[in-house]
Amino acid sequence: MVDDQPMFIAGIRMLIDSQEDMEFVGEAGNGELAIALASAKRPDVMLMDLRMPVMDGVEATRRIVQEADAAGAEKPRIIALTTFNRDQAVVQAVQAGASGYLLKSAEPEFLLAAIRTVHTGYSVIAPGSIHTLFEHAARNVPSMGPDLSVLDVLSVRERDIFVLAAKGLSNSEMAQSLFVSEATIKTHLRSVLDKLELRTRLQLVAFAYERRLLGS
């Protein structure tokens, strides 16, 4: 848990300690200490506040992911925490490698479910906010219009999957739309992420909105 508010950390720690399948392994009050914590404890999941002194959560997330990659180590799943839905720092955290984000006002049960979800390899977002967030962020990015050439590395089928994933469809929904199996969707989606040098589906969504690839 990384946050500069001791009372908030204490509340999260009590919540985690109440769960039989979770263990609270450490805390840090700023991003610089978070990097050391990630290296020392190798946590499965980190809850990362985005706005802290010394070093913010975005830079800490970037450094933790980069250092794990350089060492060939397993990266912790990082959930960014913010106080409001349209926080530009959330988009930056996703681009840096965060597995999702939640509002700090999230219900305890939702937070616990989110931790379990990212631990299994999936992304999480604050309910009902994904497109609002990225649309808002895209408005702050100068653009001459969509650049479809960035998708030239993808096959026709992979482009279809890129668009559907960017719109927020689940694997099962994409499978139904394209009349293929979910296993096929997973294979193609992994290829899309690799070819575009993206880590997560959330990064794919940010990539699409920033480049105006979903239209106006």
C-alpha atoms as a PDB file:
ATOM      1  CA  MET A   1       0.000   0.000   0.000  1.00  0.00           C
ATOM      2  CA  VAL A   2       1.458   3.333  -1.083  1.00  0.00           C
ATOM      3  CA  ASP A   3      -0.132   6.535   0.212  1.00  0.00           C
ATOM      4  CA  ASP A   4       0.938   9.619   2.129  1.00  0.00           C
ATOM      5  CA  GLN A   5      -2.082   9.453   4.472  1.00  0.00           C
ATOM      6  CA  PRO A   6      -1.365   7.092   7.404  1.00  0.00           C
ATOM      7  CA  MET A   7      -5.046   6.889   8.387  1.00  0.00           C
ATOM      8  CA  PHE A   8      -6.007   5.718   4.894  1.00  0.00           C
ATOM      9  CA  ILE A   9      -3.276   3.074   4.936  1.00  0.00           C
ATOM     10  CA  ALA A  10      -4.407   1.892   8.364  1.00  0.00           C
ATOM     11  CA  GLY A  11      -7.955   1.409   7.110  1.00  0.00           C
ATOM     12  CA  ILE A  12      -6.818  -0.545   4.040  1.00  0.00           C
ATOM     13  CA  ARG A  13      -4.512  -2.672   6.182  1.00  0.00           C
ATOM     14  CA  MET A  14      -7.370  -3.648   8.503  1.00  0.00           C
ATOM     15  CA  LEU A  15      -9.483  -4.549   5.478  1.00  0.00           C
ATOM     16  CA  ILE A  16      -6.751  -6.708   3.923  1.00  0.00           C
ATOM     17  CA  ASP A  17      -5.922  -8.413   7.218  1.00  0.00           C
ATOM     18  CA  SER A  18      -9.570  -9.439   7.563  1.00  0.00           C
ATOM     19  CA  GLN A  19      -9.304 -11.599   4.422  1.00  0.00           C
ATOM     20  CA  GLU A  20      -8.126 -15.195   4.663  1.00  0.00           C
ATOM     21  CA  ASP A  21      -6.652 -15.179   1.155  1.00  0.00           C
ATOM     22  CA  MET A  22      -4.703 -11.908   1.466  1.00  0.00           C
ATOM     23  CA  GLU A  23      -1.672 -10.704   3.377  1.00  0.00           C
ATOM     24  CA  PHE A  24      -0.591  -7.086   3.903  1.00  0.00           C
ATOM     25  CA  VAL A  25       3.180  -7.128   3.368  1.00  0.00           C
ATOM     26  CA  GLY A  26       4.231  -3.484   3.514  1.00  0.00           C
ATOM     27  CA  GLU A  27       3.494   0.205   3.174  1.00  0.00           C
ATOM     28  CA  ALA A  28       5.197   3.320   1.832  1.00  0.00           C
ATOM     29  CA  GLY A  29       4.439   7.026   2.112  1.00  0.00           C
ATOM     30  CA  ASN A  30       5.747   8.180  -1.270  1.00  0.00           C
ATOM     31  CA  GLY A  31       6.752   6.872  -4.670  1.00  0.00           C
ATOM     32  CA  GLU A  32      10.466   6.694  -3.936  1.00  0.00           C
ATOM     33  CA  LEU A  33       9.847   4.437  -0.949  1.00  0.00           C
ATOM     34  CA  ALA A  34       7.387   2.424  -3.050  1.00  0.00           C
ATOM     35  CA  ILE A  35      10.163   1.460  -5.467  1.00  0.00           C
ATOM     36  CA  ALA A  36      12.278   0.138  -2.589  1.00  0.00           C
ATOM     37  CA  LEU A  37       9.245  -1.653  -1.149  1.00  0.00           C
ATOM     38  CA  ALA A  38       8.492  -3.368  -4.468  1.00  0.00           C
ATOM     39  CA  SER A  39      12.102  -4.548  -4.734  1.00  0.00           C
ATOM     40  CA  ALA A  40      12.315  -5.799  -1.151  1.00  0.00           C
ATOM     41  CA  LYS A  41       8.904  -7.437  -0.752  1.00  0.00           C
ATOM     42  CA  ARG A  42       8.005  -8.496  -4.321  1.00  0.00           C
ATOM     43  CA  PRO A  43       4.267  -8.027  -3.670  1.00  0.00           C
ATOM     44  CA  ASP A  44       1.691  -9.559  -6.004  1.00  0.00           C
ATOM     45  CA  VAL A  45      -0.466  -6.422  -5.936  1.00  0.00           C
ATOM     46  CA  MET A  46       0.269  -2.795  -5.054  1.00  0.00           C
ATOM     47  CA  LEU A  47      -2.301  -0.086  -4.338  1.00  0.00           C
ATOM     48  CA  MET A  48      -0.694   3.147  -5.511  1.00  0.00           C
ATOM     49  CA  ASP A  49      -1.902   6.648  -4.685  1.00  0.00           C
ATOM     50  CA  LEU A  50      -1.120   8.942  -7.613  1.00  0.00           C
ATOM     51  CA  ARG A  51      -0.501  12.236  -5.829  1.00  0.00           C
ATOM     52  CA  MET A  52       2.239  12.080  -3.209  1.00  0.00           C
ATOM     53  CA  PRO A  53       5.297  14.104  -2.159  1.00  0.00           C
ATOM     54  CA  VAL A  54       8.899  13.259  -3.184  1.00  0.00           C
ATOM     55  CA  MET A  55       7.770  11.112  -6.133  1.00  0.00           C
ATOM     56  CA  ASP A  56       4.235  10.688  -7.442  1.00  0.00           C
ATOM     57  CA  GLY A  57       2.514   7.383  -8.147  1.00  0.00           C
ATOM     58  CA  VAL A  58       2.844   7.655 -11.930  1.00  0.00           C
ATOM     59  CA  GLU A  59       6.634   7.848 -11.880  1.00  0.00           C
ATOM     60  CA  ALA A  60       6.812   5.171  -9.177  1.00  0.00           C
ATOM     61  CA  THR A  61       4.678   2.851 -11.304  1.00  0.00           C
ATOM     62  CA  ARG A  62       6.895   3.464 -14.343  1.00  0.00           C
ATOM     63  CA  ARG A  63      10.076   2.805 -12.382  1.00  0.00           C
ATOM     64  CA  ILE A  64       8.743  -0.335 -10.694  1.00  0.00           C
ATOM     65  CA  VAL A  65       7.667  -1.823 -14.026  1.00  0.00           C
ATOM     66  CA  GLN A  66      10.928  -0.881 -15.736  1.00  0.00           C
ATOM     67  CA  GLU A  67      13.096  -2.282 -12.936  1.00  0.00           C
ATOM     68  CA  ALA A  68      11.157  -5.549 -12.879  1.00  0.00           C
ATOM     69  CA  ASP A  69      11.564  -5.866 -16.647  1.00  0.00           C
ATOM     70  CA  ALA A  70      15.286  -5.146 -16.429  1.00  0.00           C
ATOM     71  CA  ALA A  71      15.708  -7.792 -13.739  1.00  0.00           C
ATOM     72  CA  GLY A  72      13.510 -10.312 -15.523  1.00  0.00           C
ATOM     73  CA  ALA A  73      11.346 -10.433 -12.409  1.00  0.00           C
ATOM     74  CA  GLU A  74       7.602 -10.793 -12.049  1.00  0.00           C
ATOM     75  CA  LYS A  75       5.970  -7.364 -12.044  1.00  0.00           C
ATOM     76  CA  PRO A  76       3.515  -6.489  -9.286  1.00  0.00           C
ATOM     77  CA  ARG A  77      -0.008  -5.719 -10.449  1.00  0.00           C
ATOM     78  CA  ILE A  78      -0.481  -2.037  -9.662  1.00  0.00           C
ATOM     79  CA  ILE A  79      -3.878  -0.467  -8.991  1.00  0.00           C
ATOM     80  CA  ALA A  80      -3.782   3.324  -9.180  1.00  0.00           C
ATOM     81  CA  LEU A  81      -5.883   5.166  -6.614  1.00  0.00           C
ATOM     82  CA  THR A  82      -7.367   8.595  -7.269  1.00  0.00           C
ATOM     83  CA  THR A  83      -9.927  10.892  -5.716  1.00  0.00           C
ATOM     84  CA  PHE A  84     -11.803  11.820  -8.881  1.00  0.00           C
ATOM     85  CA  ASN A  85     -12.786  10.206 -12.186  1.00  0.00           C
ATOM     86  CA  ARG A  86     -11.211  12.595 -14.683  1.00  0.00           C
ATOM     87  CA  ASP A  87      -7.688  12.564 -13.330  1.00  0.00           C
ATOM     88  CA  GLN A  88      -5.170  12.866 -16.183  1.00  0.00           C
ATOM     89  CA  ALA A  89      -2.660  11.119 -13.949  1.00  0.00           C
ATOM     90  CA  VAL A  90      -4.755   7.939 -14.212  1.00  0.00           C
ATOM     91  CA  VAL A  91      -4.134   7.767 -17.955  1.00  0.00           C
ATOM     92  CA  GLN A  92      -0.434   8.333 -17.354  1.00  0.00           C
ATOM     93  CA  ALA A  93      -0.407   5.548 -14.751  1.00  0.00           C
ATOM     94  CA  VAL A  94      -2.081   3.153 -17.191  1.00  0.00           C
ATOM     95  CA  GLN A  95       0.508   4.050 -19.826  1.00  0.00           C
ATOM     96  CA  ALA A  96       3.233   3.455 -17.236  1.00  0.00           C
ATOM     97  CA  GLY A  97       1.952  -0.070 -16.615  1.00  0.00           C
ATOM     98  CA  ALA A  98      -0.794   0.094 -13.995  1.00  0.00           C
ATOM     99  CA  SER A  99      -3.336  -2.724 -14.220  1.00  0.00           C
ATOM    100  CA  GLY A 100      -6.209  -0.338 -13.584  1.00  0.00           C
ATOM    101  CA  TYR A 101      -7.505   2.292 -11.254  1.00  0.00           C
ATOM    102  CA  LEU A 102     -10.086   2.851  -8.554  1.00  0.00           C
ATOM    103  CA  LEU A 103     -11.504   5.828  -6.747  1.00  0.00           C
ATOM    104  CA  LYS A 104     -10.323   6.095  -3.150  1.00  0.00           C
ATOM    105  CA  SER A 105     -13.991   6.264  -2.185  1.00  0.00           C
ATOM    106  CA  ALA A 106     -14.658   2.762  -3.609  1.00  0.00           C
ATOM    107  CA  GLU A 107     -16.689   0.387  -1.456  1.00  0.00           C
ATOM    108  CA  PRO A 108     -14.516  -2.058   0.532  1.00  0.00           C
ATOM    109  CA  GLU A 109     -15.993  -5.119  -1.187  1.00  0.00           C
ATOM    110  CA  PHE A 110     -15.299  -3.608  -4.604  1.00  0.00           C
ATOM    111  CA  LEU A 111     -11.700  -2.893  -3.622  1.00  0.00           C
ATOM    112  CA  LEU A 112     -11.221  -6.474  -2.446  1.00  0.00           C
ATOM    113  CA  ALA A 113     -12.748  -7.810  -5.654  1.00  0.00           C
ATOM    114  CA  ALA A 114     -10.448  -5.527  -7.666  1.00  0.00           C
ATOM    115  CA  ILE A 115      -7.363  -6.859  -5.886  1.00  0.00           C
ATOM    116  CA  ARG A 116      -8.409 -10.437  -6.626  1.00  0.00           C
ATOM    117  CA  THR A 117      -9.161  -9.528 -10.239  1.00  0.00           C
ATOM    118  CA  VAL A 118      -5.783  -7.961 -11.024  1.00  0.00           C
ATOM    119  CA  HIS A 119      -4.040 -10.807  -9.219  1.00  0.00           C
ATOM    120  CA  THR A 120      -5.477 -13.181 -11.825  1.00  0.00           C
ATOM    121  CA  GLY A 121      -4.138 -11.014 -14.651  1.00  0.00           C
ATOM    122  CA  TYR A 122      -7.118  -8.865 -15.575  1.00  0.00           C
ATOM    123  CA  SER A 123      -7.560  -5.094 -15.479  1.00  0.00           C
ATOM    124  CA  VAL A 124      -9.933  -3.137 -13.247  1.00  0.00           C
ATOM    125  CA  ILE A 125     -11.459   0.325 -13.540  1.00  0.00           C
ATOM    126  CA  ALA A 126     -13.742   2.518 -11.489  1.00  0.00           C
ATOM    127  CA  PRO A 127     -17.317   1.581 -12.496  1.00  0.00           C
ATOM    128  CA  GLY A 128     -18.747   3.341 -15.542  1.00  0.00           C
ATOM    129  CA  SER A 129     -15.732   5.563 -16.142  1.00  0.00           C
ATOM    130  CA  ILE A 130     -13.461   4.084 -18.791  1.00  0.00           C
ATOM    131  CA  HIS A 131     -14.696   5.972 -21.851  1.00  0.00           C
ATOM    132  CA  THR A 132     -15.401   9.191 -19.936  1.00  0.00           C
ATOM    133  CA  LEU A 133     -11.850   9.136 -18.614  1.00  0.00           C
ATOM    134  CA  PHE A 134     -10.069   8.489 -21.898  1.00  0.00           C
ATOM    135  CA  GLU A 135     -12.303  10.796 -23.935  1.00  0.00           C
ATOM    136  CA  HIS A 136     -11.520  13.574 -21.467  1.00  0.00           C
ATOM    137  CA  ALA A 137      -7.798  12.816 -21.637  1.00  0.00           C
ATOM    138  CA  ALA A 138      -7.830  12.744 -25.453  1.00  0.00           C
ATOM    139  CA  ARG A 139      -9.206  16.281 -25.574  1.00  0.00           C
ATOM    140  CA  ASN A 140      -6.018  17.472 -23.879  1.00  0.00           C
ATOM    141  CA  VAL A 141      -3.756  15.829 -26.462  1.00  0.00           C
ATOM    142  CA  PRO A 142      -2.985  17.884 -29.623  1.00  0.00           C
ATOM    143  CA  SER A 143      -3.935  15.929 -32.731  1.00  0.00           C
ATOM    144  CA  MET A 144      -4.213  16.530 -36.461  1.00  0.00           C
ATOM    145  CA  GLY A 145      -6.718  13.703 -36.707  1.00  0.00           C
ATOM    146  CA  PRO A 146      -6.633   9.903 -36.715  1.00  0.00           C
ATOM    147  CA  ASP A 147      -3.429   8.216 -37.884  1.00  0.00           C
ATOM    148  CA  LEU A 148      -4.542   4.805 -39.066  1.00  0.00           C
ATOM    149  CA  SER A 149      -1.045   3.959 -40.268  1.00  0.00           C
ATOM    150  CA  VAL A 150      -0.151   2.897 -36.713  1.00  0.00           C
ATOM    151  CA  LEU A 151      -2.400  -0.118 -37.294  1.00  0.00           C
ATOM    152  CA  ASP A 152      -0.589  -1.246 -40.450  1.00  0.00           C
ATOM    153  CA  VAL A 153       1.280  -3.880 -38.429  1.00  0.00           C
ATOM    154  CA  LEU A 154      -2.024  -5.632 -37.692  1.00  0.00           C
ATOM    155  CA  SER A 155      -3.871  -8.125 -39.862  1.00  0.00           C
ATOM    156  CA  VAL A 156      -7.464  -7.413 -40.889  1.00  0.00           C
ATOM    157  CA  ARG A 157      -8.811  -9.653 -38.130  1.00  0.00           C
ATOM    158  CA  GLU A 158      -6.471  -8.109 -35.578  1.00  0.00           C
ATOM    159  CA  ARG A 159      -7.728  -4.651 -36.542  1.00  0.00           C
ATOM    160  CA  ASP A 160     -11.283  -5.815 -35.915  1.00  0.00           C
ATOM    161  CA  ILE A 161     -10.302  -7.071 -32.484  1.00  0.00           C
ATOM    162  CA  PHE A 162      -8.371  -3.875 -31.747  1.00  0.00           C
ATOM    163  CA  VAL A 163     -11.459  -1.741 -32.394  1.00  0.00           C
ATOM    164  CA  LEU A 164     -13.781  -3.961 -30.359  1.00  0.00           C
ATOM    165  CA  ALA A 165     -11.350  -4.160 -27.433  1.00  0.00           C
ATOM    166  CA  ALA A 166     -10.856  -0.381 -27.533  1.00  0.00           C
ATOM    167  CA  LYS A 167     -14.618   0.031 -27.272  1.00  0.00           C
ATOM    168  CA  GLY A 168     -14.564  -2.008 -24.066  1.00  0.00           C
ATOM    169  CA  LEU A 169     -16.058  -5.298 -25.254  1.00  0.00           C
ATOM    170  CA  SER A 170     -15.227  -8.414 -23.273  1.00  0.00           C
ATOM    171  CA  ASN A 171     -13.634 -11.489 -24.841  1.00  0.00           C
ATOM    172  CA  SER A 172     -16.984 -13.275 -24.936  1.00  0.00           C
ATOM    173  CA  GLU A 173     -18.681 -10.272 -26.553  1.00  0.00           C
ATOM    174  CA  MET A 174     -15.941 -10.039 -29.179  1.00  0.00           C
ATOM    175  CA  ALA A 175     -16.198 -13.776 -29.834  1.00  0.00           C
ATOM    176  CA  GLN A 176     -19.949 -13.478 -30.425  1.00  0.00           C
ATOM    177  CA  SER A 177     -19.500 -10.447 -32.660  1.00  0.00           C
ATOM    178  CA  LEU A 178     -16.838 -12.095 -34.836  1.00  0.00           C
ATOM    179  CA  PHE A 179     -18.266 -15.647 -34.677  1.00  0.00           C
ATOM    180  CA  VAL A 180     -15.088 -17.185 -33.301  1.00  0.00           C
ATOM    181  CA  SER A 181     -14.096 -18.847 -30.027  1.00  0.00           C
ATOM    182  CA  GLU A 182     -12.877 -16.963 -26.970  1.00  0.00           C
ATOM    183  CA  ALA A 183      -9.576 -18.823 -27.285  1.00  0.00           C
ATOM    184  CA  THR A 184      -9.134 -17.345 -30.754  1.00  0.00           C
ATOM    185  CA  ILE A 185      -9.907 -13.882 -29.406  1.00  0.00           C
ATOM    186  CA  LYS A 186      -7.298 -14.274 -26.662  1.00  0.00           C
ATOM    187  CA  THR A 187      -4.662 -15.362 -29.185  1.00  0.00           C
ATOM    188  CA  HIS A 188      -5.353 -12.463 -31.531  1.00  0.00           C
ATOM    189  CA  LEU A 189      -5.560  -9.940 -28.679  1.00  0.00           C
ATOM    190  CA  ARG A 190      -2.173 -11.043 -27.352  1.00  0.00           C
ATOM    191  CA  SER A 191      -0.763 -10.569 -30.837  1.00  0.00           C
ATOM    192  CA  VAL A 192      -2.323  -7.094 -31.090  1.00  0.00           C
ATOM    193  CA  LEU A 193      -0.788  -6.014 -27.779  1.00  0.00           C
ATOM    194  CA  ASP A 194       2.617  -7.411 -28.732  1.00  0.00           C
ATOM    195  CA  LYS A 195       2.659  -5.763 -32.163  1.00  0.00           C
ATOM    196  CA  LEU A 196       1.619  -2.381 -30.770  1.00  0.00           C
ATOM    197  CA  GLU A 197       4.063  -2.782 -27.852  1.00  0.00           C
ATOM    198  CA  LEU A 198       1.304  -2.443 -25.267  1.00  0.00           C
ATOM    199  CA  ARG A 199       1.073  -4.296 -21.973  1.00  0.00           C
ATOM    200  CA  THR A 200      -2.610  -4.262 -21.108  1.00  0.00           C
ATOM    201  CA  ARG A 201      -6.077  -3.776 -22.559  1.00  0.00           C
ATOM    202  CA  LEU A 202      -6.298  -0.489 -20.696  1.00  0.00           C
ATOM    203  CA  GLN A 203      -3.199   0.726 -22.516  1.00  0.00           C
ATOM    204  CA  LEU A 204      -4.887  -0.328 -25.752  1.00  0.00           C
ATOM    205  CA  VAL A 205      -7.913   1.836 -24.918  1.00  0.00           C
ATOM    206  CA  ALA A 206      -5.687   4.814 -24.108  1.00  0.00           C
ATOM    207  CA  PHE A 207      -3.735   4.229 -27.338  1.00  0.00           C
ATOM    208  CA  ALA A 208      -6.954   4.271 -29.380  1.00  0.00           C
ATOM    209  CA  TYR A 209      -8.386   7.420 -27.827  1.00  0.00           C
ATOM    210  CA  GLU A 210      -5.151   9.412 -27.951  1.00  0.00           C
ATOM    211  CA  ARG A 211      -4.810   8.711 -31.665  1.00  0.00           C
ATOM    212  CA  ARG A 212      -8.513   9.294 -32.400  1.00  0.00           C
ATOM    213  CA  LEU A 213      -8.799   5.778 -33.847  1.00  0.00           C
ATOM    214  CA  LEU A 214     -12.421   5.280 -32.787  1.00  0.00           C
ATOM    215  CA  GLY A 215     -13.801   8.273 -34.641  1.00  0.00           C
ATOM    216  CA  SER A 216     -15.335  11.398 -33.138  1.00  0.00           C
END
